[in-house]
PDB file of all heavy atoms in Angstrom:
ATOM      1  N   LEU A   1     -11.857   6.842  73.005  1.00  0.00           N
ATOM      2  CA  LEU A   1     -12.502   7.348  71.787  1.00  0.00           C
ATOM      3  C   LEU A   1     -11.939   8.676  71.420  1.00  0.00           C
ATOM      4  O   LEU A   1     -11.510   8.926  70.279  1.00  0.00           O
ATOM      5  CB  LEU A   1     -14.008   7.409  72.028  1.00  0.00           C
ATOM      6  CG  LEU A   1     -14.847   8.049  70.857  1.00  0.00           C
ATOM      7  CD1 LEU A   1     -14.634   7.319  69.645  1.00  0.00           C
ATOM      8  CD2 LEU A   1     -16.233   8.245  71.303  1.00  0.00           C
ATOM      9  N   LEU A   2     -11.722   9.600  72.378  1.00  0.00           N
ATOM     10  CA  LEU A   2     -11.334  10.873  72.032  1.00  0.00           C
ATOM     11  C   LEU A   2      -9.884  10.889  71.649  1.00  0.00           C
ATOM     12  O   LEU A   2      -9.462  11.551  70.629  1.00  0.00           O
ATOM     13  CB  LEU A   2     -11.458  11.842  73.291  1.00  0.00           C
ATOM     14  CG  LEU A   2     -11.327  13.265  73.117  1.00  0.00           C
ATOM     15  CD1 LEU A   2     -12.014  13.799  71.960  1.00  0.00           C
ATOM     16  CD2 LEU A   2     -11.648  14.040  74.439  1.00  0.00           C
ATOM     17  N   GLU A   3      -9.072  10.171  72.314  1.00  0.00           N
ATOM     18  CA  GLU A   3      -7.639  10.017  71.916  1.00  0.00           C
ATOM     19  C   GLU A   3      -7.505   9.526  70.471  1.00  0.00           C
ATOM     20  O   GLU A   3      -6.683  10.022  69.694  1.00  0.00           O
ATOM     21  CB  GLU A   3      -6.941   9.095  72.867  1.00  0.00           C
ATOM     22  CG  GLU A   3      -5.418   8.933  72.683  1.00  0.00           C
ATOM     23  CD  GLU A   3      -4.824   8.021  73.716  1.00  0.00           C
ATOM     24  OE1 GLU A   3      -5.033   6.751  73.616  1.00  0.00           O
ATOM     25  OE2 GLU A   3      -4.124   8.564  74.501  1.00  0.00           O
ATOM     26  N   THR A   4      -8.271   8.422  70.103  1.00  0.00           N
ATOM     27  CA  THR A   4      -8.201   7.945  68.873  1.00  0.00           C
ATOM     28  C   THR A   4      -8.676   8.913  67.752  1.00  0.00           C
ATOM     29  O   THR A   4      -8.061   9.065  66.678  1.00  0.00           O
ATOM     30  CB  THR A   4      -9.140   6.645  68.744  1.00  0.00           C
ATOM     31  OG1 THR A   4      -8.696   5.622  69.656  1.00  0.00           O
ATOM     32  CG2 THR A   4      -9.155   5.991  67.348  1.00  0.00           C
ATOM     33  N   GLU A   5      -9.673   9.637  68.013  1.00  0.00           N
ATOM     34  CA  GLU A   5     -10.274  10.594  66.988  1.00  0.00           C
ATOM     35  C   GLU A   5      -9.305  11.785  66.884  1.00  0.00           C
ATOM     36  O   GLU A   5      -9.217  12.283  65.784  1.00  0.00           O
ATOM     37  CB  GLU A   5     -11.702  11.102  67.447  1.00  0.00           C
ATOM     38  CG  GLU A   5     -12.729   9.931  67.431  1.00  0.00           C
ATOM     39  CD  GLU A   5     -12.811   9.195  66.221  1.00  0.00           C
ATOM     40  OE1 GLU A   5     -12.732   9.846  65.021  1.00  0.00           O
ATOM     41  OE2 GLU A   5     -12.942   7.961  66.172  1.00  0.00           O
ATOM     42  N   ILE A   6      -8.675  12.196  67.960  1.00  0.00           N
ATOM     43  CA  ILE A   6      -7.696  13.264  67.779  1.00  0.00           C
ATOM     44  C   ILE A   6      -6.463  12.760  67.015  1.00  0.00           C
ATOM     45  O   ILE A   6      -5.989  13.470  66.073  1.00  0.00           O
ATOM     46  CB  ILE A   6      -7.232  13.815  69.211  1.00  0.00           C
ATOM     47  CG1 ILE A   6      -8.440  14.595  69.845  1.00  0.00           C
ATOM     48  CG2 ILE A   6      -5.953  14.670  69.066  1.00  0.00           C
ATOM     49  CD1 ILE A   6      -8.109  15.031  71.255  1.00  0.00           C
ATOM     50  N   ALA A   7      -6.067  11.534  67.255  1.00  0.00           N
ATOM     51  CA  ALA A   7      -4.905  11.013  66.597  1.00  0.00           C
ATOM     52  C   ALA A   7      -5.186  10.770  65.145  1.00  0.00           C
ATOM     53  O   ALA A   7      -4.287  11.024  64.264  1.00  0.00           O
ATOM     54  CB  ALA A   7      -4.456   9.621  67.200  1.00  0.00           C
ATOM     55  N   SER A   8      -6.462  10.422  64.762  1.00  0.00           N
ATOM     56  CA  SER A   8      -6.752  10.232  63.387  1.00  0.00           C
ATOM     57  C   SER A   8      -6.956  11.478  62.639  1.00  0.00           C
ATOM     58  O   SER A   8      -7.036  11.610  61.418  1.00  0.00           O
ATOM     59  CB  SER A   8      -8.068   9.448  63.264  1.00  0.00           C
ATOM     60  OG  SER A   8      -9.159  10.185  63.659  1.00  0.00           O
ATOM     61  N   GLY A   9      -7.122  12.616  63.370  1.00  0.00           N
ATOM     62  CA  GLY A   9      -7.430  13.928  62.754  1.00  0.00           C
ATOM     63  C   GLY A   9      -8.845  14.276  62.539  1.00  0.00           C
ATOM     64  O   GLY A   9      -9.146  15.325  62.026  1.00  0.00           O
ATOM     65  N   ARG A  10      -9.715  13.389  62.880  1.00  0.00           N
ATOM     66  CA  ARG A  10     -11.196  13.653  62.757  1.00  0.00           C
ATOM     67  C   ARG A  10     -11.543  14.698  63.770  1.00  0.00           C
ATOM     68  O   ARG A  10     -12.523  15.429  63.570  1.00  0.00           O
ATOM     69  CB  ARG A  10     -11.981  12.311  62.932  1.00  0.00           C
ATOM     70  CG  ARG A  10     -11.960  11.552  61.727  1.00  0.00           C
ATOM     71  CD  ARG A  10     -12.887  10.319  61.838  1.00  0.00           C
ATOM     72  NE  ARG A  10     -12.499   9.318  62.716  1.00  0.00           N
ATOM     73  CZ  ARG A  10     -11.652   8.251  62.389  1.00  0.00           C
ATOM     74  NH1 ARG A  10     -11.137   8.178  61.189  1.00  0.00           N
ATOM     75  NH2 ARG A  10     -11.323   7.379  63.309  1.00  0.00           N
ATOM     76  N   LEU A  11     -10.878  14.867  64.912  1.00  0.00           N
ATOM     77  CA  LEU A  11     -11.087  15.866  65.804  1.00  0.00           C
ATOM     78  C   LEU A  11      -9.706  16.614  66.012  1.00  0.00           C
ATOM     79  O   LEU A  11      -8.690  15.936  66.001  1.00  0.00           O
ATOM     80  CB  LEU A  11     -11.491  15.261  67.274  1.00  0.00           C
ATOM     81  CG  LEU A  11     -12.924  14.789  67.374  1.00  0.00           C
ATOM     82  CD1 LEU A  11     -13.200  14.254  68.704  1.00  0.00           C
ATOM     83  CD2 LEU A  11     -13.939  15.956  67.120  1.00  0.00           C
ATOM     84  N   SER A  12      -9.804  17.954  66.089  1.00  0.00           N
ATOM     85  CA  SER A  12      -8.623  18.698  66.195  1.00  0.00           C
ATOM     86  C   SER A  12      -8.038  18.589  67.704  1.00  0.00           C
ATOM     87  O   SER A  12      -8.790  18.273  68.588  1.00  0.00           O
ATOM     88  CB  SER A  12      -8.843  20.103  65.821  1.00  0.00           C
ATOM     89  OG  SER A  12      -9.758  20.702  66.738  1.00  0.00           O
ATOM     90  N   ALA A  13      -6.765  18.867  67.864  1.00  0.00           N
ATOM     91  CA  ALA A  13      -6.112  18.841  69.124  1.00  0.00           C
ATOM     92  C   ALA A  13      -6.216  20.264  69.779  1.00  0.00           C
ATOM     93  O   ALA A  13      -5.248  20.783  70.211  1.00  0.00           O
ATOM     94  CB  ALA A  13      -4.677  18.351  68.968  1.00  0.00           C
ATOM     95  N   GLU A  14      -7.348  20.846  69.675  1.00  0.00           N
ATOM     96  CA  GLU A  14      -7.609  22.188  70.295  1.00  0.00           C
ATOM     97  C   GLU A  14      -7.851  22.041  71.771  1.00  0.00           C
ATOM     98  O   GLU A  14      -8.093  21.020  72.235  1.00  0.00           O
ATOM     99  CB  GLU A  14      -8.812  22.894  69.509  1.00  0.00           C
ATOM    100  CG  GLU A  14     -10.109  22.213  69.844  1.00  0.00           C
ATOM    101  CD  GLU A  14     -11.203  22.895  68.999  1.00  0.00           C
ATOM    102  OE1 GLU A  14     -11.115  22.852  67.765  1.00  0.00           O
ATOM    103  OE2 GLU A  14     -12.163  23.381  69.572  1.00  0.00           O
ATOM    104  N   ARG A  15      -7.679  23.236  72.402  1.00  0.00           N
ATOM    105  CA  ARG A  15      -7.737  23.241  73.884  1.00  0.00           C
ATOM    106  C   ARG A  15      -8.997  22.618  74.459  1.00  0.00           C
ATOM    107  O   ARG A  15      -8.856  21.818  75.394  1.00  0.00           O
ATOM    108  CB  ARG A  15      -7.683  24.734  74.363  1.00  0.00           C
ATOM    109  CG  ARG A  15      -7.667  24.835  75.839  1.00  0.00           C
ATOM    110  CD  ARG A  15      -7.720  26.265  76.214  1.00  0.00           C
ATOM    111  NE  ARG A  15      -6.854  26.406  77.412  1.00  0.00           N
ATOM    112  CZ  ARG A  15      -5.802  27.220  77.542  1.00  0.00           C
ATOM    113  NH1 ARG A  15      -5.567  28.081  76.585  1.00  0.00           N
ATOM    114  NH2 ARG A  15      -5.177  27.365  78.641  1.00  0.00           N
ATOM    115  N   GLU A  16     -10.081  22.884  73.966  1.00  0.00           N
ATOM    116  CA  GLU A  16     -11.394  22.386  74.325  1.00  0.00           C
ATOM    117  C   GLU A  16     -11.413  20.798  74.338  1.00  0.00           C
ATOM    118  O   GLU A  16     -11.811  20.125  75.307  1.00  0.00           O
ATOM    119  CB  GLU A  16     -12.626  22.871  73.564  1.00  0.00           C
ATOM    120  CG  GLU A  16     -13.938  22.261  74.010  1.00  0.00           C
ATOM    121  CD  GLU A  16     -15.099  22.641  73.029  1.00  0.00           C
ATOM    122  OE1 GLU A  16     -14.901  23.583  72.201  1.00  0.00           O
ATOM    123  OE2 GLU A  16     -16.109  22.147  73.235  1.00  0.00           O
ATOM    124  N   HIS A  17     -10.884  20.220  73.254  1.00  0.00           N
ATOM    125  CA  HIS A  17     -10.827  18.795  73.113  1.00  0.00           C
ATOM    126  C   HIS A  17      -9.795  18.200  74.076  1.00  0.00           C
ATOM    127  O   HIS A  17     -10.044  17.080  74.645  1.00  0.00           O
ATOM    128  CB  HIS A  17     -10.539  18.397  71.670  1.00  0.00           C
ATOM    129  CG  HIS A  17     -11.604  18.869  70.733  1.00  0.00           C
ATOM    130  ND1 HIS A  17     -11.426  19.018  69.378  1.00  0.00           N
ATOM    131  CD2 HIS A  17     -12.882  19.210  70.887  1.00  0.00           C
ATOM    132  CE1 HIS A  17     -12.396  19.484  68.793  1.00  0.00           C
ATOM    133  NE2 HIS A  17     -13.320  19.601  69.679  1.00  0.00           N
ATOM    134  N   LEU A  18      -8.704  18.831  74.177  1.00  0.00           N
ATOM    135  CA  LEU A  18      -7.636  18.270  75.086  1.00  0.00           C
ATOM    136  C   LEU A  18      -8.076  18.376  76.568  1.00  0.00           C
ATOM    137  O   LEU A  18      -7.831  17.487  77.324  1.00  0.00           O
ATOM    138  CB  LEU A  18      -6.369  19.088  74.858  1.00  0.00           C
ATOM    139  CG  LEU A  18      -5.620  18.908  73.595  1.00  0.00           C
ATOM    140  CD1 LEU A  18      -4.434  19.820  73.424  1.00  0.00           C
ATOM    141  CD2 LEU A  18      -5.224  17.440  73.408  1.00  0.00           C
ATOM    142  N   GLU A  19      -8.850  19.455  76.932  1.00  0.00           N
ATOM    143  CA  GLU A  19      -9.357  19.542  78.246  1.00  0.00           C
ATOM    144  C   GLU A  19     -10.406  18.426  78.563  1.00  0.00           C
ATOM    145  O   GLU A  19     -10.411  17.837  79.670  1.00  0.00           O
ATOM    146  CB  GLU A  19      -9.923  20.903  78.531  1.00  0.00           C
ATOM    147  CG  GLU A  19      -8.889  21.972  78.752  1.00  0.00           C
ATOM    148  CD  GLU A  19      -9.426  23.402  78.863  1.00  0.00           C
ATOM    149  OE1 GLU A  19     -10.665  23.599  78.783  1.00  0.00           O
ATOM    150  OE2 GLU A  19      -8.629  24.219  79.270  1.00  0.00           O
ATOM    151  N   LEU A  20     -11.176  18.087  77.558  1.00  0.00           N
ATOM    152  CA  LEU A  20     -12.084  17.010  77.668  1.00  0.00           C
ATOM    153  C   LEU A  20     -11.406  15.623  77.910  1.00  0.00           C
ATOM    154  O   LEU A  20     -11.716  14.839  78.669  1.00  0.00           O
ATOM    155  CB  LEU A  20     -13.051  16.980  76.483  1.00  0.00           C
ATOM    156  CG  LEU A  20     -14.189  15.995  76.584  1.00  0.00           C
ATOM    157  CD1 LEU A  20     -15.148  16.310  77.734  1.00  0.00           C
ATOM    158  CD2 LEU A  20     -15.054  16.090  75.239  1.00  0.00           C
ATOM    159  N   LEU A  21     -10.269  15.520  77.090  1.00  0.00           N
ATOM    160  CA  LEU A  21      -9.457  14.318  77.178  1.00  0.00           C
ATOM    161  C   LEU A  21      -8.820  14.206  78.536  1.00  0.00           C
ATOM    162  O   LEU A  21      -8.788  13.164  79.142  1.00  0.00           O
ATOM    163  CB  LEU A  21      -8.426  14.252  76.074  1.00  0.00           C
ATOM    164  CG  LEU A  21      -7.572  13.087  75.986  1.00  0.00           C
ATOM    165  CD1 LEU A  21      -8.366  11.781  75.781  1.00  0.00           C
ATOM    166  CD2 LEU A  21      -6.546  13.220  74.851  1.00  0.00           C
ATOM    167  N   LEU A  22      -8.306  15.354  79.050  1.00  0.00           N
ATOM    168  CA  LEU A  22      -7.719  15.327  80.341  1.00  0.00           C
ATOM    169  C   LEU A  22      -8.745  14.941  81.418  1.00  0.00           C
ATOM    170  O   LEU A  22      -8.397  14.169  82.371  1.00  0.00           O
ATOM    171  CB  LEU A  22      -7.194  16.761  80.672  1.00  0.00           C
ATOM    172  CG  LEU A  22      -6.583  17.021  82.042  1.00  0.00           C
ATOM    173  CD1 LEU A  22      -5.462  16.014  82.361  1.00  0.00           C
ATOM    174  CD2 LEU A  22      -6.192  18.401  82.239  1.00  0.00           C
ATOM    175  N   SER A  23      -9.950  15.460  81.291  1.00  0.00           N
ATOM    176  CA  SER A  23     -10.963  15.027  82.240  1.00  0.00           C
ATOM    177  C   SER A  23     -11.269  13.598  82.193  1.00  0.00           C
ATOM    178  O   SER A  23     -11.446  12.977  83.270  1.00  0.00           O
ATOM    179  CB  SER A  23     -12.262  15.851  82.009  1.00  0.00           C
ATOM    180  OG  SER A  23     -12.076  17.156  82.153  1.00  0.00           O
ATOM    181  N   ALA A  24     -11.370  13.029  81.047  1.00  0.00           N
ATOM    182  CA  ALA A  24     -11.597  11.541  80.842  1.00  0.00           C
ATOM    183  C   ALA A  24     -10.482  10.759  81.516  1.00  0.00           C
ATOM    184  O   ALA A  24     -10.737   9.864  82.324  1.00  0.00           O
ATOM    185  CB  ALA A  24     -11.772  11.282  79.358  1.00  0.00           C
ATOM    186  N   TRP A  25      -9.242  11.062  81.211  1.00  0.00           N
ATOM    187  CA  TRP A  25      -8.120  10.301  81.702  1.00  0.00           C
ATOM    188  C   TRP A  25      -7.984  10.441  83.202  1.00  0.00           C
ATOM    189  O   TRP A  25      -7.665   9.533  83.931  1.00  0.00           O
ATOM    190  CB  TRP A  25      -6.803  10.668  80.977  1.00  0.00           C
ATOM    191  CG  TRP A  25      -6.696  10.124  79.612  1.00  0.00           C
ATOM    192  CD1 TRP A  25      -6.078  10.786  78.573  1.00  0.00           C
ATOM    193  CD2 TRP A  25      -7.120   8.862  79.021  1.00  0.00           C
ATOM    194  NE1 TRP A  25      -6.097  10.069  77.426  1.00  0.00           N
ATOM    195  CE2 TRP A  25      -6.762   8.907  77.657  1.00  0.00           C
ATOM    196  CE3 TRP A  25      -7.688   7.806  79.610  1.00  0.00           C
ATOM    197  CZ2 TRP A  25      -7.013   7.774  76.859  1.00  0.00           C
ATOM    198  CZ3 TRP A  25      -7.993   6.726  78.752  1.00  0.00           C
ATOM    199  CH2 TRP A  25      -7.670   6.674  77.419  1.00  0.00           C
ATOM    200  N   THR A  26      -8.258  11.661  83.745  1.00  0.00           N
ATOM    201  CA  THR A  26      -8.208  11.867  85.175  1.00  0.00           C
ATOM    202  C   THR A  26      -9.348  11.066  85.820  1.00  0.00           C
ATOM    203  O   THR A  26      -9.072  10.416  86.888  1.00  0.00           O
ATOM    204  CB  THR A  26      -8.308  13.376  85.542  1.00  0.00           C
ATOM    205  OG1 THR A  26      -7.305  14.063  84.797  1.00  0.00           O
ATOM    206  CG2 THR A  26      -8.178  13.616  86.996  1.00  0.00           C
ATOM    207  N   ALA A  27     -10.494  11.139  85.329  1.00  0.00           N
ATOM    208  CA  ALA A  27     -11.653  10.393  85.965  1.00  0.00           C
ATOM    209  C   ALA A  27     -11.355   8.834  85.835  1.00  0.00           C
ATOM    210  O   ALA A  27     -11.722   8.165  86.761  1.00  0.00           O
ATOM    211  CB  ALA A  27     -12.945  10.712  85.199  1.00  0.00           C
ATOM    212  N   ALA A  28     -10.688   8.430  84.851  1.00  0.00           N
ATOM    213  CA  ALA A  28     -10.362   6.981  84.718  1.00  0.00           C
ATOM    214  C   ALA A  28      -9.125   6.590  85.517  1.00  0.00           C
ATOM    215  O   ALA A  28      -8.775   5.442  85.529  1.00  0.00           O
ATOM    216  CB  ALA A  28     -10.127   6.656  83.225  1.00  0.00           C
ATOM    217  N   ARG A  29      -8.516   7.549  86.208  1.00  0.00           N
ATOM    218  CA  ARG A  29      -7.319   7.400  86.967  1.00  0.00           C
ATOM    219  C   ARG A  29      -6.172   6.826  86.139  1.00  0.00           C
ATOM    220  O   ARG A  29      -5.336   6.090  86.577  1.00  0.00           O
ATOM    221  CB  ARG A  29      -7.575   6.518  88.116  1.00  0.00           C
ATOM    222  CG  ARG A  29      -8.684   7.154  89.038  1.00  0.00           C
ATOM    223  CD  ARG A  29      -8.767   6.487  90.443  1.00  0.00           C
ATOM    224  NE  ARG A  29      -7.637   6.438  91.294  1.00  0.00           N
ATOM    225  CZ  ARG A  29      -7.123   7.516  91.998  1.00  0.00           C
ATOM    226  NH1 ARG A  29      -7.768   8.664  91.921  1.00  0.00           N
ATOM    227  NH2 ARG A  29      -6.089   7.397  92.748  1.00  0.00           N
ATOM    228  N   GLU A  30      -6.162   7.287  84.830  1.00  0.00           N
ATOM    229  CA  GLU A  30      -5.053   7.005  83.917  1.00  0.00           C
ATOM    230  C   GLU A  30      -4.115   8.276  83.928  1.00  0.00           C
ATOM    231  O   GLU A  30      -4.091   8.996  83.054  1.00  0.00           O
ATOM    232  CB  GLU A  30      -5.690   6.785  82.522  1.00  0.00           C
ATOM    233  CG  GLU A  30      -6.455   5.527  82.244  1.00  0.00           C
ATOM    234  CD  GLU A  30      -5.516   4.307  82.289  1.00  0.00           C
ATOM    235  OE1 GLU A  30      -4.437   4.390  81.749  1.00  0.00           O
ATOM    236  OE2 GLU A  30      -6.121   3.215  82.620  1.00  0.00           O
ATOM    237  N   PHE A  31      -3.388   8.289  85.027  1.00  0.00           N
ATOM    238  CA  PHE A  31      -2.596   9.557  85.359  1.00  0.00           C
ATOM    239  C   PHE A  31      -1.491   9.713  84.349  1.00  0.00           C
ATOM    240  O   PHE A  31      -1.188  10.801  84.006  1.00  0.00           O
ATOM    241  CB  PHE A  31      -2.055   9.418  86.776  1.00  0.00           C
ATOM    242  CG  PHE A  31      -3.192   9.493  87.821  1.00  0.00           C
ATOM    243  CD1 PHE A  31      -3.219   8.690  88.941  1.00  0.00           C
ATOM    244  CD2 PHE A  31      -4.327  10.306  87.664  1.00  0.00           C
ATOM    245  CE1 PHE A  31      -4.202   8.722  89.830  1.00  0.00           C
ATOM    246  CE2 PHE A  31      -5.396  10.322  88.591  1.00  0.00           C
ATOM    247  CZ  PHE A  31      -5.259   9.572  89.665  1.00  0.00           C
ATOM    248  N   SER A  32      -0.879   8.622  83.869  1.00  0.00           N
ATOM    249  CA  SER A  32       0.277   8.854  82.923  1.00  0.00           C
ATOM    250  C   SER A  32      -0.278   9.475  81.651  1.00  0.00           C
ATOM    251  O   SER A  32       0.344  10.333  81.102  1.00  0.00           O
ATOM    252  CB  SER A  32       0.914   7.496  82.631  1.00  0.00           C
ATOM    253  OG  SER A  32       1.544   7.079  83.776  1.00  0.00           O
ATOM    254  N   ARG A  33      -1.474   8.978  81.141  1.00  0.00           N
ATOM    255  CA  ARG A  33      -2.067   9.508  79.964  1.00  0.00           C
ATOM    256  C   ARG A  33      -2.557  10.964  80.247  1.00  0.00           C
ATOM    257  O   ARG A  33      -2.331  11.846  79.385  1.00  0.00           O
ATOM    258  CB  ARG A  33      -3.267   8.721  79.518  1.00  0.00           C
ATOM    259  CG  ARG A  33      -2.823   7.353  78.979  1.00  0.00           C
ATOM    260  CD  ARG A  33      -3.961   6.489  78.552  1.00  0.00           C
ATOM    261  NE  ARG A  33      -3.595   5.617  77.556  1.00  0.00           N
ATOM    262  CZ  ARG A  33      -4.419   4.641  77.147  1.00  0.00           C
ATOM    263  NH1 ARG A  33      -5.637   4.469  77.668  1.00  0.00           N
ATOM    264  NH2 ARG A  33      -4.049   3.829  76.216  1.00  0.00           N
ATOM    265  N   ALA A  34      -3.020  11.265  81.401  1.00  0.00           N
ATOM    266  CA  ALA A  34      -3.501  12.647  81.745  1.00  0.00           C
ATOM    267  C   ALA A  34      -2.322  13.582  81.760  1.00  0.00           C
ATOM    268  O   ALA A  34      -2.392  14.651  81.267  1.00  0.00           O
ATOM    269  CB  ALA A  34      -4.146  12.599  83.071  1.00  0.00           C
ATOM    270  N   ILE A  35      -1.179  13.087  82.311  1.00  0.00           N
ATOM    271  CA  ILE A  35      -0.017  13.995  82.353  1.00  0.00           C
ATOM    272  C   ILE A  35       0.441  14.256  80.925  1.00  0.00           C
ATOM    273  O   ILE A  35       0.845  15.396  80.700  1.00  0.00           O
ATOM    274  CB  ILE A  35       1.112  13.317  83.183  1.00  0.00           C
ATOM    275  CG1 ILE A  35       0.712  13.286  84.644  1.00  0.00           C
ATOM    276  CG2 ILE A  35       2.440  13.946  82.968  1.00  0.00           C
ATOM    277  CD1 ILE A  35       1.522  12.383  85.625  1.00  0.00           C
ATOM    278  N   GLY A  36       0.398  13.434  80.054  1.00  0.00           N
ATOM    279  CA  GLY A  36       0.720  13.659  78.633  1.00  0.00           C
ATOM    280  C   GLY A  36      -0.135  14.748  78.013  1.00  0.00           C
ATOM    281  O   GLY A  36       0.343  15.646  77.315  1.00  0.00           O
TER     282      GLY A  36
END
């Protein structure tokens, strides 16, 4: 959800949102996405 909303521009790619996205991908064990 967060990745889609950032890509669409509805949410900005600011630090707070990226850190939340990092937390989500890390918790989901989606390490390649988290590394990006």
